[in-house]
C-alpha atoms as a PDB file:
ATOM      1  CA  MET A   1     126.397  92.333 100.793  1.00  0.00           C
ATOM      2  CA  ASN A   2     126.991  95.245  98.435  1.00  0.00           C
ATOM      3  CA  PRO A   3     126.533  98.374 100.617  1.00  0.00           C
ATOM      4  CA  ALA A   4     124.605 100.011  97.799  1.00  0.00           C
ATOM      5  CA  ALA A   5     122.224  97.083  97.351  1.00  0.00           C
ATOM      6  CA  LYS A   6     118.697  97.383  98.679  1.00  0.00           C
ATOM      7  CA  PRO A   7     118.155  94.929 101.579  1.00  0.00           C
ATOM      8  CA  GLN A   8     116.010  91.950 100.623  1.00  0.00           C
ATOM      9  CA  PRO A   9     113.484  90.215 102.906  1.00  0.00           C
ATOM     10  CA  ASN A  10     115.726  87.140 103.287  1.00  0.00           C
ATOM     11  CA  ASP A  11     118.693  89.176 104.570  1.00  0.00           C
ATOM     12  CA  ASP A  12     119.472  89.400 108.273  1.00  0.00           C
ATOM     13  CA  VAL A  13     118.523  93.069 108.396  1.00  0.00           C
ATOM     14  CA  ILE A  14     115.414  95.142 108.933  1.00  0.00           C
ATOM     15  CA  VAL A  15     113.584  96.193 105.768  1.00  0.00           C
ATOM     16  CA  ARG A  16     110.563  98.461 105.436  1.00  0.00           C
ATOM     17  CA  ALA A  17     108.256  95.487 104.971  1.00  0.00           C
ATOM     18  CA  HIS A  18     108.949  94.543 108.613  1.00  0.00           C
ATOM     19  CA  GLY A  19     106.771  97.509 109.599  1.00  0.00           C
ATOM     20  CA  GLY A  20     103.900  96.858 107.219  1.00  0.00           C
ATOM     21  CA  GLY A  21     101.496  94.977 109.463  1.00  0.00           C
ATOM     22  CA  GLY A  22     101.812  91.730 107.519  1.00  0.00           C
ATOM     23  CA  GLU A  23     103.546  88.382 107.828  1.00  0.00           C
ATOM     24  CA  MET A  24     107.047  89.868 108.092  1.00  0.00           C
ATOM     25  CA  MET A  25     106.048  92.224 110.875  1.00  0.00           C
ATOM     26  CA  GLY A  26     104.460  89.329 112.752  1.00  0.00           C
ATOM     27  CA  ARG A  27     107.710  87.380 112.563  1.00  0.00           C
ATOM     28  CA  LEU A  28     109.748  90.376 113.741  1.00  0.00           C
ATOM     29  CA  ILE A  29     107.488  90.838 116.753  1.00  0.00           C
ATOM     30  CA  SER A  30     107.266  87.170 117.722  1.00  0.00           C
ATOM     31  CA  ASP A  31     110.833  86.057 116.940  1.00  0.00           C
ATOM     32  CA  HIS A  32     112.702  89.074 118.279  1.00  0.00           C
ATOM     33  CA  ILE A  33     110.636  91.500 120.361  1.00  0.00           C
ATOM     34  CA  VAL A  34     108.312  89.172 122.282  1.00  0.00           C
ATOM     35  CA  SER A  35     111.010  86.524 122.640  1.00  0.00           C
ATOM     36  CA  ALA A  36     113.165  89.097 124.452  1.00  0.00           C
ATOM     37  CA  LEU A  37     110.526  91.072 126.363  1.00  0.00           C
ATOM     38  CA  GLY A  38     107.502  88.779 126.579  1.00  0.00           C
ATOM     39  CA  ASN A  39     105.194  88.589 129.579  1.00  0.00           C
ATOM     40  CA  GLN A  40     101.555  87.668 130.133  1.00  0.00           C
ATOM     41  CA  THR A  41     100.309  91.151 129.215  1.00  0.00           C
ATOM     42  CA  LEU A  42     102.567  91.803 126.227  1.00  0.00           C
ATOM     43  CA  ASN A  43     102.121  88.317 124.776  1.00  0.00           C
ATOM     44  CA  ALA A  44      98.424  89.014 124.101  1.00  0.00           C
ATOM     45  CA  LEU A  45      99.536  91.372 121.279  1.00  0.00           C
ATOM     46  CA  THR A  46      96.363  93.440 121.478  1.00  0.00           C
ATOM     47  CA  ASP A  47      95.939  97.129 120.562  1.00  0.00           C
ATOM     48  CA  GLY A  48      96.570  98.095 124.168  1.00  0.00           C
ATOM     49  CA  ALA A  49      97.376  96.657 127.563  1.00  0.00           C
ATOM     50  CA  VAL A  50      94.686  96.221 130.221  1.00  0.00           C
ATOM     51  CA  LEU A  51      96.239  96.937 133.624  1.00  0.00           C
ATOM     52  CA  PRO A  52      94.807  96.756 137.175  1.00  0.00           C
ATOM     53  CA  CYS A  53      94.522 100.092 138.975  1.00  0.00           C
ATOM     54  CA  ASN A  54      92.996 100.577 142.443  1.00  0.00           C
ATOM     55  CA  GLY A  55      90.418  97.839 142.030  1.00  0.00           C
ATOM     56  CA  LYS A  56      89.518  98.886 138.490  1.00  0.00           C
ATOM     57  CA  HIS A  57      91.319  98.600 135.160  1.00  0.00           C
ATOM     58  CA  ILE A  58      92.938 101.022 132.766  1.00  0.00           C
ATOM     59  CA  VAL A  59      93.995 100.606 129.139  1.00  0.00           C
ATOM     60  CA  MET A  60      97.380 101.841 127.920  1.00  0.00           C
ATOM     61  CA  THR A  61      98.641 102.072 124.343  1.00  0.00           C
ATOM     62  CA  THR A  62     101.457 103.690 122.359  1.00  0.00           C
ATOM     63  CA  ASP A  63     102.148 104.363 118.697  1.00  0.00           C
ATOM     64  CA  SER A  64     104.507 106.225 116.371  1.00  0.00           C
ATOM     65  CA  TYR A  65     103.658 108.050 113.144  1.00  0.00           C
ATOM     66  CA  VAL A  66     105.977 108.448 110.161  1.00  0.00           C
ATOM     67  CA  VAL A  67     103.494 109.170 107.354  1.00  0.00           C
ATOM     68  CA  GLN A  68     104.627 110.807 104.106  1.00  0.00           C
ATOM     69  CA  PRO A  69     103.487 113.300 102.982  1.00  0.00           C
ATOM     70  CA  LEU A  70     102.852 114.949 106.341  1.00  0.00           C
ATOM     71  CA  GLU A  71      99.678 116.619 105.023  1.00  0.00           C
ATOM     72  CA  PHE A  72      97.242 114.804 102.757  1.00  0.00           C
ATOM     73  CA  PRO A  73      93.599 114.985 101.655  1.00  0.00           C
ATOM     74  CA  GLY A  74      91.440 114.590 104.739  1.00  0.00           C
ATOM     75  CA  GLY A  75      94.135 114.960 107.354  1.00  0.00           C
ATOM     76  CA  ASP A  76      97.764 115.172 108.369  1.00  0.00           C
ATOM     77  CA  ILE A  77     100.242 113.447 110.672  1.00  0.00           C
ATOM     78  CA  GLY A  78      98.787 115.236 113.702  1.00  0.00           C
ATOM     79  CA  ARG A  79      95.190 114.178 113.128  1.00  0.00           C
ATOM     80  CA  LEU A  80      96.430 110.676 112.389  1.00  0.00           C
ATOM     81  CA  ALA A  81      98.314 110.520 115.701  1.00  0.00           C
ATOM     82  CA  VAL A  82      95.318 111.535 117.809  1.00  0.00           C
ATOM     83  CA  CYS A  83      92.778 109.363 115.981  1.00  0.00           C
ATOM     84  CA  GLY A  84      95.038 106.325 115.852  1.00  0.00           C
ATOM     85  CA  THR A  85      95.798 106.418 119.572  1.00  0.00           C
ATOM     86  CA  VAL A  86      92.209 107.102 120.622  1.00  0.00           C
ATOM     87  CA  ASN A  87      90.941 104.276 118.419  1.00  0.00           C
ATOM     88  CA  ASP A  88      93.448 101.789 119.822  1.00  0.00           C
ATOM     89  CA  LEU A  89      92.111 102.576 123.286  1.00  0.00           C
ATOM     90  CA  ALA A  90      88.468 102.454 122.193  1.00  0.00           C
ATOM     91  CA  VAL A  91      88.649  99.029 120.527  1.00  0.00           C
ATOM     92  CA  MET A  92      89.960  97.658 123.822  1.00  0.00           C
ATOM     93  CA  GLY A  93      86.838  98.980 125.550  1.00  0.00           C
ATOM     94  CA  GLY A  94      88.606 102.042 126.933  1.00  0.00           C
ATOM     95  CA  ARG A  95      87.259 105.548 127.521  1.00  0.00           C
ATOM     96  CA  PRO A  96      90.262 107.824 126.797  1.00  0.00           C
ATOM     97  CA  ILE A  97      91.530 109.915 129.718  1.00  0.00           C
ATOM     98  CA  GLY A  98      94.618 111.592 128.251  1.00  0.00           C
ATOM     99  CA  LEU A  99      97.277 111.397 125.555  1.00  0.00           C
ATOM    100  CA  SER A 100     100.979 112.163 125.453  1.00  0.00           C
ATOM    101  CA  LEU A 101     102.597 113.805 122.432  1.00  0.00           C
ATOM    102  CA  GLY A 102     106.236 113.322 121.468  1.00  0.00           C
ATOM    103  CA  LEU A 103     107.520 115.504 118.610  1.00  0.00           C
ATOM    104  CA  ILE A 104     110.773 114.669 116.782  1.00  0.00           C
ATOM    105  CA  ILE A 105     111.442 117.609 114.468  1.00  0.00           C
ATOM    106  CA  GLU A 106     114.154 117.939 111.846  1.00  0.00           C
ATOM    107  CA  GLU A 107     116.025 121.232 111.772  1.00  0.00           C
ATOM    108  CA  GLY A 108     114.800 123.451 108.960  1.00  0.00           C
ATOM    109  CA  PHE A 109     111.149 122.517 109.498  1.00  0.00           C
ATOM    110  CA  ARG A 110     108.962 125.581 109.009  1.00  0.00           C
ATOM    111  CA  LEU A 111     107.239 126.911 112.109  1.00  0.00           C
ATOM    112  CA  ASP A 112     104.083 127.848 110.206  1.00  0.00           C
ATOM    113  CA  ARG A 113     103.765 124.235 109.084  1.00  0.00           C
ATOM    114  CA  LEU A 114     104.299 123.006 112.643  1.00  0.00           C
ATOM    115  CA  ASP A 115     101.577 125.390 113.807  1.00  0.00           C
ATOM    116  CA  ARG A 116      99.146 123.990 111.227  1.00  0.00           C
ATOM    117  CA  ILE A 117      99.776 120.451 112.414  1.00  0.00           C
ATOM    118  CA  LEU A 118      99.462 121.437 116.087  1.00  0.00           C
ATOM    119  CA  ASP A 119      96.141 123.130 115.312  1.00  0.00           C
ATOM    120  CA  SER A 120      95.020 119.903 113.646  1.00  0.00           C
ATOM    121  CA  ILE A 121      96.052 117.920 116.740  1.00  0.00           C
ATOM    122  CA  ALA A 122      94.016 120.266 118.937  1.00  0.00           C
ATOM    123  CA  LYS A 123      90.960 119.953 116.697  1.00  0.00           C
ATOM    124  CA  ALA A 124      91.137 116.143 116.587  1.00  0.00           C
ATOM    125  CA  ALA A 125      91.538 116.002 120.373  1.00  0.00           C
ATOM    126  CA  ARG A 126      88.405 118.128 120.802  1.00  0.00           C
ATOM    127  CA  GLU A 127      86.499 115.783 118.464  1.00  0.00           C
ATOM    128  CA  ALA A 128      87.586 112.842 120.604  1.00  0.00           C
ATOM    129  CA  SER A 129      86.886 114.680 123.894  1.00  0.00           C
ATOM    130  CA  VAL A 130      90.415 114.000 125.118  1.00  0.00           C
ATOM    131  CA  GLU A 131      93.320 116.241 126.134  1.00  0.00           C
ATOM    132  CA  ILE A 132      97.032 116.192 125.382  1.00  0.00           C
ATOM    133  CA  VAL A 133      98.331 116.078 128.968  1.00  0.00           C
ATOM    134  CA  THR A 134     102.092 115.630 128.610  1.00  0.00           C
ATOM    135  CA  GLY A 135     104.748 115.478 125.941  1.00  0.00           C
ATOM    136  CA  ASP A 136     108.316 115.823 124.771  1.00  0.00           C
ATOM    137  CA  THR A 137     110.106 117.663 121.962  1.00  0.00           C
ATOM    138  CA  LYS A 138     113.373 116.743 120.270  1.00  0.00           C
ATOM    139  CA  VAL A 139     115.126 118.467 117.356  1.00  0.00           C
ATOM    140  CA  ILE A 140     117.451 116.401 115.167  1.00  0.00           C
ATOM    141  CA  GLU A 141     119.650 117.139 112.186  1.00  0.00           C
ATOM    142  CA  ASN A 142     118.051 117.115 108.757  1.00  0.00           C
ATOM    143  CA  VAL A 143     118.846 113.579 107.651  1.00  0.00           C
ATOM    144  CA  ARG A 144     116.037 112.525 105.320  1.00  0.00           C
ATOM    145  CA  GLY A 145     113.975 115.653 104.901  1.00  0.00           C
ATOM    146  CA  ASP A 146     110.885 113.980 106.380  1.00  0.00           C
ATOM    147  CA  GLY A 147     110.485 116.946 108.697  1.00  0.00           C
ATOM    148  CA  LEU A 148     108.465 115.512 111.574  1.00  0.00           C
ATOM    149  CA  PHE A 149     107.805 112.263 113.416  1.00  0.00           C
ATOM    150  CA  ILE A 150     105.247 111.858 116.206  1.00  0.00           C
ATOM    151  CA  ASN A 151     105.033 109.389 119.076  1.00  0.00           C
ATOM    152  CA  THR A 152     101.951 109.123 121.260  1.00  0.00           C
ATOM    153  CA  ALA A 153     100.766 107.193 124.279  1.00  0.00           C
ATOM    154  CA  GLY A 154      97.252 107.017 125.615  1.00  0.00           C
ATOM    155  CA  VAL A 155      95.546 106.006 128.845  1.00  0.00           C
ATOM    156  CA  ALA A 156      91.869 105.098 129.195  1.00  0.00           C
ATOM    157  CA  GLU A 157      89.473 103.830 131.818  1.00  0.00           C
ATOM    158  CA  LEU A 158      88.255 100.362 130.908  1.00  0.00           C
ATOM    159  CA  ASP A 159      84.516  99.969 130.461  1.00  0.00           C
ATOM    160  CA  GLU A 160      84.013  96.960 132.714  1.00  0.00           C
ATOM    161  CA  ARG A 161      81.064  95.843 130.570  1.00  0.00           C
ATOM    162  CA  ALA A 162      83.468  95.046 127.738  1.00  0.00           C
ATOM    163  CA  ARG A 163      84.178  91.333 127.407  1.00  0.00           C
ATOM    164  CA  LEU A 164      86.448  91.307 124.402  1.00  0.00           C
ATOM    165  CA  GLY A 165      88.942  88.784 123.117  1.00  0.00           C
ATOM    166  CA  PHE A 166      89.664  86.097 120.584  1.00  0.00           C
ATOM    167  CA  ASP A 167      88.403  83.546 123.116  1.00  0.00           C
ATOM    168  CA  GLN A 168      84.942  85.145 123.045  1.00  0.00           C
ATOM    169  CA  ILE A 169      84.397  84.487 119.309  1.00  0.00           C
ATOM    170  CA  ARG A 170      82.017  81.707 118.273  1.00  0.00           C
ATOM    171  CA  PRO A 171      80.852  80.204 114.937  1.00  0.00           C
ATOM    172  CA  GLY A 172      77.778  82.042 113.711  1.00  0.00           C
ATOM    173  CA  ASP A 173      78.959  85.440 114.979  1.00  0.00           C
ATOM    174  CA  ALA A 174      78.558  88.334 112.558  1.00  0.00           C
ATOM    175  CA  ILE A 175      81.404  90.429 111.098  1.00  0.00           C
ATOM    176  CA  LEU A 176      80.679  94.179 110.843  1.00  0.00           C
ATOM    177  CA  ILE A 177      82.563  97.209 109.504  1.00  0.00           C
ATOM    178  CA  ASN A 178      81.625 100.871 109.978  1.00  0.00           C
ATOM    179  CA  GLY A 179      82.269 102.108 106.429  1.00  0.00           C
ATOM    180  CA  ASN A 180      84.278 102.197 103.225  1.00  0.00           C
ATOM    181  CA  LEU A 181      87.513 100.243 102.918  1.00  0.00           C
ATOM    182  CA  GLY A 182      90.899 101.607 101.929  1.00  0.00           C
ATOM    183  CA  ASP A 183      90.164 105.344 101.766  1.00  0.00           C
ATOM    184  CA  HIS A 184      93.181 106.336 103.875  1.00  0.00           C
ATOM    185  CA  GLY A 185      95.849 104.313 102.100  1.00  0.00           C
ATOM    186  CA  ILE A 186      94.655 105.168  98.615  1.00  0.00           C
ATOM    187  CA  ALA A 187      94.275 108.884  99.485  1.00  0.00           C
ATOM    188  CA  ILE A 188      97.903 108.921 100.640  1.00  0.00           C
ATOM    189  CA  MET A 189      99.089 107.224  97.471  1.00  0.00           C
ATOM    190  CA  SER A 190      97.090 109.616  95.300  1.00  0.00           C
ATOM    191  CA  VAL A 191      99.320 112.540  96.336  1.00  0.00           C
ATOM    192  CA  ARG A 192     102.676 110.795  96.462  1.00  0.00           C
ATOM    193  CA  ASP A 193     105.443 112.096  94.198  1.00  0.00           C
ATOM    194  CA  GLY A 194     105.265 110.357  90.854  1.00  0.00           C
ATOM    195  CA  LEU A 195     101.731 109.073  91.428  1.00  0.00           C
ATOM    196  CA  GLU A 196      99.788 112.323  91.704  1.00  0.00           C
ATOM    197  CA  PHE A 197      96.459 112.470  89.919  1.00  0.00           C
ATOM    198  CA  GLU A 198      93.327 114.541  90.251  1.00  0.00           C
ATOM    199  CA  THR A 199      91.054 112.916  92.789  1.00  0.00           C
ATOM    200  CA  THR A 200      88.303 113.496  95.322  1.00  0.00           C
ATOM    201  CA  LEU A 201      89.758 110.826  97.622  1.00  0.00           C
ATOM    202  CA  ARG A 202      90.122 111.732 101.303  1.00  0.00           C
ATOM    203  CA  SER A 203      91.580 109.894 104.276  1.00  0.00           C
ATOM    204  CA  ASP A 204      89.021 108.416 106.659  1.00  0.00           C
ATOM    205  CA  ALA A 205      91.062 109.362 109.766  1.00  0.00           C
ATOM    206  CA  ALA A 206      88.553 109.964 112.571  1.00  0.00           C
ATOM    207  CA  PRO A 207      88.123 109.211 116.274  1.00  0.00           C
ATOM    208  CA  LEU A 208      85.729 106.313 116.852  1.00  0.00           C
ATOM    209  CA  ASN A 209      85.442 106.388 120.635  1.00  0.00           C
ATOM    210  CA  ALA A 210      81.998 108.053 120.723  1.00  0.00           C
ATOM    211  CA  MET A 211      80.490 105.460 118.393  1.00  0.00           C
ATOM    212  CA  ILE A 212      82.151 102.567 120.202  1.00  0.00           C
ATOM    213  CA  GLY A 213      81.070 104.004 123.554  1.00  0.00           C
ATOM    214  CA  ASP A 214      77.450 104.004 122.404  1.00  0.00           C
ATOM    215  CA  LEU A 215      77.781 100.387 121.297  1.00  0.00           C
ATOM    216  CA  LEU A 216      79.133  99.324 124.682  1.00  0.00           C
ATOM    217  CA  SER A 217      76.454 101.321 126.526  1.00  0.00           C
ATOM    218  CA  SER A 218      73.696  99.617 124.519  1.00  0.00           C
ATOM    219  CA  GLY A 219      74.530  96.213 125.981  1.00  0.00           C
ATOM    220  CA  VAL A 220      74.988  94.458 122.622  1.00  0.00           C
ATOM    221  CA  ALA A 221      77.170  91.347 122.700  1.00  0.00           C
ATOM    222  CA  ILE A 222      80.462  92.485 121.155  1.00  0.00           C
ATOM    223  CA  ARG A 223      83.011  89.682 121.068  1.00  0.00           C
ATOM    224  CA  PHE A 224      85.986  91.486 119.534  1.00  0.00           C
ATOM    225  CA  MET A 225      87.003  94.837 118.010  1.00  0.00           C
ATOM    226  CA  ARG A 226      90.050  96.071 116.148  1.00  0.00           C
ATOM    227  CA  ASP A 227      90.781  99.062 113.938  1.00  0.00           C
ATOM    228  CA  ALA A 228      91.912  97.915 110.495  1.00  0.00           C
ATOM    229  CA  THR A 229      95.075  99.971 110.037  1.00  0.00           C
ATOM    230  CA  ARG A 230      98.296  98.429 108.689  1.00  0.00           C
ATOM    231  CA  GLY A 231      97.505  95.169 106.936  1.00  0.00           C
ATOM    232  CA  GLY A 232      93.952  96.360 106.370  1.00  0.00           C
ATOM    233  CA  LEU A 233      90.879  94.205 106.768  1.00  0.00           C
ATOM    234  CA  ALA A 234      92.786  91.169 105.503  1.00  0.00           C
ATOM    235  CA  GLY A 235      95.330  91.411 108.309  1.00  0.00           C
ATOM    236  CA  VAL A 236      92.703  91.718 111.037  1.00  0.00           C
ATOM    237  CA  LEU A 237      90.649  88.803 109.712  1.00  0.00           C
ATOM    238  CA  ALA A 238      93.748  86.613 109.440  1.00  0.00           C
ATOM    239  CA  ASP A 239      94.536  87.369 113.095  1.00  0.00           C
ATOM    240  CA  ILE A 240      90.993  86.471 114.126  1.00  0.00           C
ATOM    241  CA  SER A 241      91.036  83.212 112.196  1.00  0.00           C
ATOM    242  CA  ASP A 242      94.470  82.216 113.530  1.00  0.00           C
ATOM    243  CA  ARG A 243      93.870  83.161 117.150  1.00  0.00           C
ATOM    244  CA  ALA A 244      90.222  82.086 117.472  1.00  0.00           C
ATOM    245  CA  GLY A 245      90.659  78.913 115.418  1.00  0.00           C
ATOM    246  CA  PHE A 246      87.613  79.505 113.221  1.00  0.00           C
ATOM    247  CA  GLY A 247      87.078  80.394 109.592  1.00  0.00           C
ATOM    248  CA  ILE A 248      85.714  83.673 108.245  1.00  0.00           C
ATOM    249  CA  GLU A 249      83.363  83.955 105.281  1.00  0.00           C
ATOM    250  CA  LEU A 250      83.127  87.409 103.656  1.00  0.00           C
ATOM    251  CA  SER A 251      80.637  88.640 101.092  1.00  0.00           C
ATOM    252  CA  GLU A 252      82.240  90.807  98.413  1.00  0.00           C
ATOM    253  CA  LEU A 253      78.844  92.285  97.531  1.00  0.00           C
ATOM    254  CA  ALA A 254      78.433  93.482 101.129  1.00  0.00           C
ATOM    255  CA  LEU A 255      81.799  95.266 101.376  1.00  0.00           C
ATOM    256  CA  PRO A 256      81.318  99.062 101.499  1.00  0.00           C
ATOM    257  CA  ARG A 257      83.704 100.699  99.013  1.00  0.00           C
ATOM    258  CA  ASP A 258      83.808 104.178  97.546  1.00  0.00           C
ATOM    259  CA  PRO A 259      83.764 103.851  93.733  1.00  0.00           C
ATOM    260  CA  HIS A 260      86.587 106.401  93.354  1.00  0.00           C
ATOM    261  CA  THR A 261      88.745 104.566  95.892  1.00  0.00           C
ATOM    262  CA  ARG A 262      88.005 101.259  94.204  1.00  0.00           C
ATOM    263  CA  ALA A 263      88.895 102.620  90.754  1.00  0.00           C
ATOM    264  CA  ALA A 264      92.143 104.156  92.021  1.00  0.00           C
ATOM    265  CA  ALA A 265      93.124 100.923  93.780  1.00  0.00           C
ATOM    266  CA  GLU A 266      92.510  98.905  90.615  1.00  0.00           C
ATOM    267  CA  MET A 267      94.551 101.378  88.583  1.00  0.00           C
ATOM    268  CA  LEU A 268      97.448 101.177  91.062  1.00  0.00           C
ATOM    269  CA  GLY A 269      97.152  97.397  91.447  1.00  0.00           C
ATOM    270  CA  PHE A 270      96.180  97.280  95.149  1.00  0.00           C
ATOM    271  CA  ASP A 271      93.714  94.991  96.908  1.00  0.00           C
ATOM    272  CA  LEU A 272      91.448  97.147  99.088  1.00  0.00           C
ATOM    273  CA  LEU A 273      91.202  94.329 101.624  1.00  0.00           C
ATOM    274  CA  ALA A 274      94.900  94.826 102.391  1.00  0.00           C
ATOM    275  CA  VAL A 275      94.957  98.646 102.324  1.00  0.00           C
ATOM    276  CA  ALA A 276      95.177 100.566 105.615  1.00  0.00           C
ATOM    277  CA  ASN A 277      92.272 102.491 107.125  1.00  0.00           C
ATOM    278  CA  GLU A 278      92.399 105.051 109.940  1.00  0.00           C
ATOM    279  CA  GLY A 279      88.722 105.435 110.798  1.00  0.00           C
ATOM    280  CA  LYS A 280      87.421 101.900 110.480  1.00  0.00           C
ATOM    281  CA  VAL A 281      86.701  99.346 113.171  1.00  0.00           C
ATOM    282  CA  LEU A 282      85.968  95.695 112.491  1.00  0.00           C
ATOM    283  CA  LEU A 283      83.607  94.108 114.994  1.00  0.00           C
ATOM    284  CA  VAL A 284      82.687  90.520 115.748  1.00  0.00           C
ATOM    285  CA  VAL A 285      79.262  90.470 117.412  1.00  0.00           C
ATOM    286  CA  ALA A 286      76.615  87.933 118.327  1.00  0.00           C
ATOM    287  CA  ASP A 287      74.432  87.237 115.303  1.00  0.00           C
ATOM    288  CA  SER A 288      71.297  88.234 117.205  1.00  0.00           C
ATOM    289  CA  ASP A 289      72.719  91.726 117.879  1.00  0.00           C
ATOM    290  CA  ALA A 290      74.185  92.400 114.427  1.00  0.00           C
ATOM    291  CA  GLU A 291      71.375  94.557 113.036  1.00  0.00           C
ATOM    292  CA  ARG A 292      71.101  96.557 116.241  1.00  0.00           C
ATOM    293  CA  CYS A 293      74.841  97.248 116.149  1.00  0.00           C
ATOM    294  CA  VAL A 294      74.619  98.453 112.550  1.00  0.00           C
ATOM    295  CA  ASP A 295      71.731 100.748 113.441  1.00  0.00           C
ATOM    296  CA  ILE A 296      73.656 102.282 116.354  1.00  0.00           C
ATOM    297  CA  MET A 297      76.774 102.850 114.231  1.00  0.00           C
ATOM    298  CA  ARG A 298      74.767 104.502 111.464  1.00  0.00           C
ATOM    299  CA  GLU A 299      73.648 107.171 113.929  1.00  0.00           C
ATOM    300  CA  HIS A 300      77.233 108.514 113.873  1.00  0.00           C
ATOM    301  CA  ASP A 301      78.984 110.328 111.042  1.00  0.00           C
ATOM    302  CA  THR A 302      81.793 107.774 111.340  1.00  0.00           C
ATOM    303  CA  GLY A 303      79.363 104.902 110.788  1.00  0.00           C
ATOM    304  CA  ARG A 304      76.949 106.070 108.077  1.00  0.00           C
ATOM    305  CA  ARG A 305      77.967 103.229 105.746  1.00  0.00           C
ATOM    306  CA  SER A 306      78.186 100.511 108.381  1.00  0.00           C
ATOM    307  CA  ALA A 307      77.440  97.040 107.091  1.00  0.00           C
ATOM    308  CA  ARG A 308      77.373  93.376 107.960  1.00  0.00           C
ATOM    309  CA  ILE A 309      80.054  91.884 105.726  1.00  0.00           C
ATOM    310  CA  GLY A 310      80.480  88.277 106.827  1.00  0.00           C
ATOM    311  CA  ARG A 311      80.296  85.620 109.493  1.00  0.00           C
ATOM    312  CA  VAL A 312      82.439  83.327 111.597  1.00  0.00           C
ATOM    313  CA  VAL A 313      82.278  79.681 110.511  1.00  0.00           C
ATOM    314  CA  ALA A 314      83.594  76.389 111.829  1.00  0.00           C
ATOM    315  CA  SER A 315      86.092  75.185 109.238  1.00  0.00           C
ATOM    316  CA  ASN A 316      89.135  72.946 109.198  1.00  0.00           C
ATOM    317  CA  PRO A 317      91.648  74.342 108.525  1.00  0.00           C
ATOM    318  CA  PRO A 318      90.408  77.801 109.584  1.00  0.00           C
ATOM    319  CA  LEU A 319      90.599  80.088 106.550  1.00  0.00           C
ATOM    320  CA  VAL A 320      89.361  83.523 105.531  1.00  0.00           C
ATOM    321  CA  GLU A 321      87.342  83.169 102.317  1.00  0.00           C
ATOM    322  CA  LEU A 322      85.754  85.830 100.137  1.00  0.00           C
ATOM    323  CA  VAL A 323      82.558  84.934  98.314  1.00  0.00           C
ATOM    324  CA  THR A 324      83.023  87.007  95.155  1.00  0.00           C
ATOM    325  CA  GLU A 325      80.459  89.122  93.335  1.00  0.00           C
ATOM    326  CA  HIS A 326      80.081  86.285  90.813  1.00  0.00           C
ATOM    327  CA  GLY A 327      79.596  83.546  93.410  1.00  0.00           C
ATOM    328  CA  GLY A 328      83.133  82.140  93.357  1.00  0.00           C
ATOM    329  CA  ARG A 329      85.448  81.848  96.334  1.00  0.00           C
ATOM    330  CA  ARG A 330      89.003  82.960  96.982  1.00  0.00           C
ATOM    331  CA  ILE A 331      91.189  82.715 100.044  1.00  0.00           C
ATOM    332  CA  VAL A 332      92.058  86.050 101.666  1.00  0.00           C
ATOM    333  CA  GLN A 333      95.624  85.938 102.912  1.00  0.00           C
ATOM    334  CA  ARG A 334      97.495  88.109 105.375  1.00  0.00           C
ATOM    335  CA  PRO A 335      99.694  90.632 103.510  1.00  0.00           C
ATOM    336  CA  TYR A 336     103.315  89.485 103.452  1.00  0.00           C
ATOM    337  CA  GLY A 337     104.989  92.847 103.798  1.00  0.00           C
ATOM    338  CA  GLU A 338     103.943  96.392 103.091  1.00  0.00           C
ATOM    339  CA  GLU A 339     102.200  97.255  99.864  1.00  0.00           C
ATOM    340  CA  LEU A 340     101.901 100.933 100.785  1.00  0.00           C
ATOM    341  CA  PRO A 341     104.895 102.220 102.804  1.00  0.00           C
ATOM    342  CA  ARG A 342     104.812 105.192 105.181  1.00  0.00           C
ATOM    343  CA  ILE A 343     101.045 105.646 105.343  1.00  0.00           C
ATOM    344  CA  CYS A 344     100.682 105.975 109.106  1.00  0.00           C
END
């Protein structure tokens, strides 16, 4: 291969699309990572691992953040790291106990900028009622000029009332979302070099553990939860359909979307169903509890635009279908690679 040539998806090398939350990332994880390291816990491929601990259970998760630019409308890499880790714990039914913070800093990075991001981390942790309890710092040579990378891990106490999993999902269950789609990914793209335009768009990055905790405390029948980050809503729904073995029917008219985000996505040629979110949780709940769940979520700032957007159906083969605004139908597919690189 020409050393100067950009690697293509069919080459035997890693390309950026392998980290995009789509089909290529799924193949990388299953064919290489799980095949080498797989065990009963890891093979579940959930947002976190549920582990036994002194007769109870804890949830553990980890994540890394490489977003560019580091600061963007509505947040920065620090806020993203806290919210993303807390939300991964919460959608597993965990009440966060503590987070770790690993900083990889390129030489030349300004200390005043680092202080701004650390202040943002502290503020987001207070919002989530969680503490940064341990960490690590490394300084590397200035290779790319990205400035800063963050790695986190989180530990939570499992709410034993949570009975979550693909195996809990049944036809007739309702699909819920707690607000507008695609705000984070489109806000990032709106300030990228070469794409900058005047906009009111802001990232939706926010901790969801308080809202999810209230849902679990209410006793509603939640079958499954996942935050719709890389791969967006489309990626999560494809996972549900594949793993549960049922179809999903979405209503386009019911999807909450900010008109500015929608217009920007159309201008840039992106499908909001496949765009990443950082403050959105998709829930599968018993049909009888759907309206109660929506009411509870709307009591929180992070859930003001919560909506019922679809239902689980028995179909063969199991597909995700969108009933369009005009009454037509189209199949919603898992993203192949990464439409929007470096957004989390």
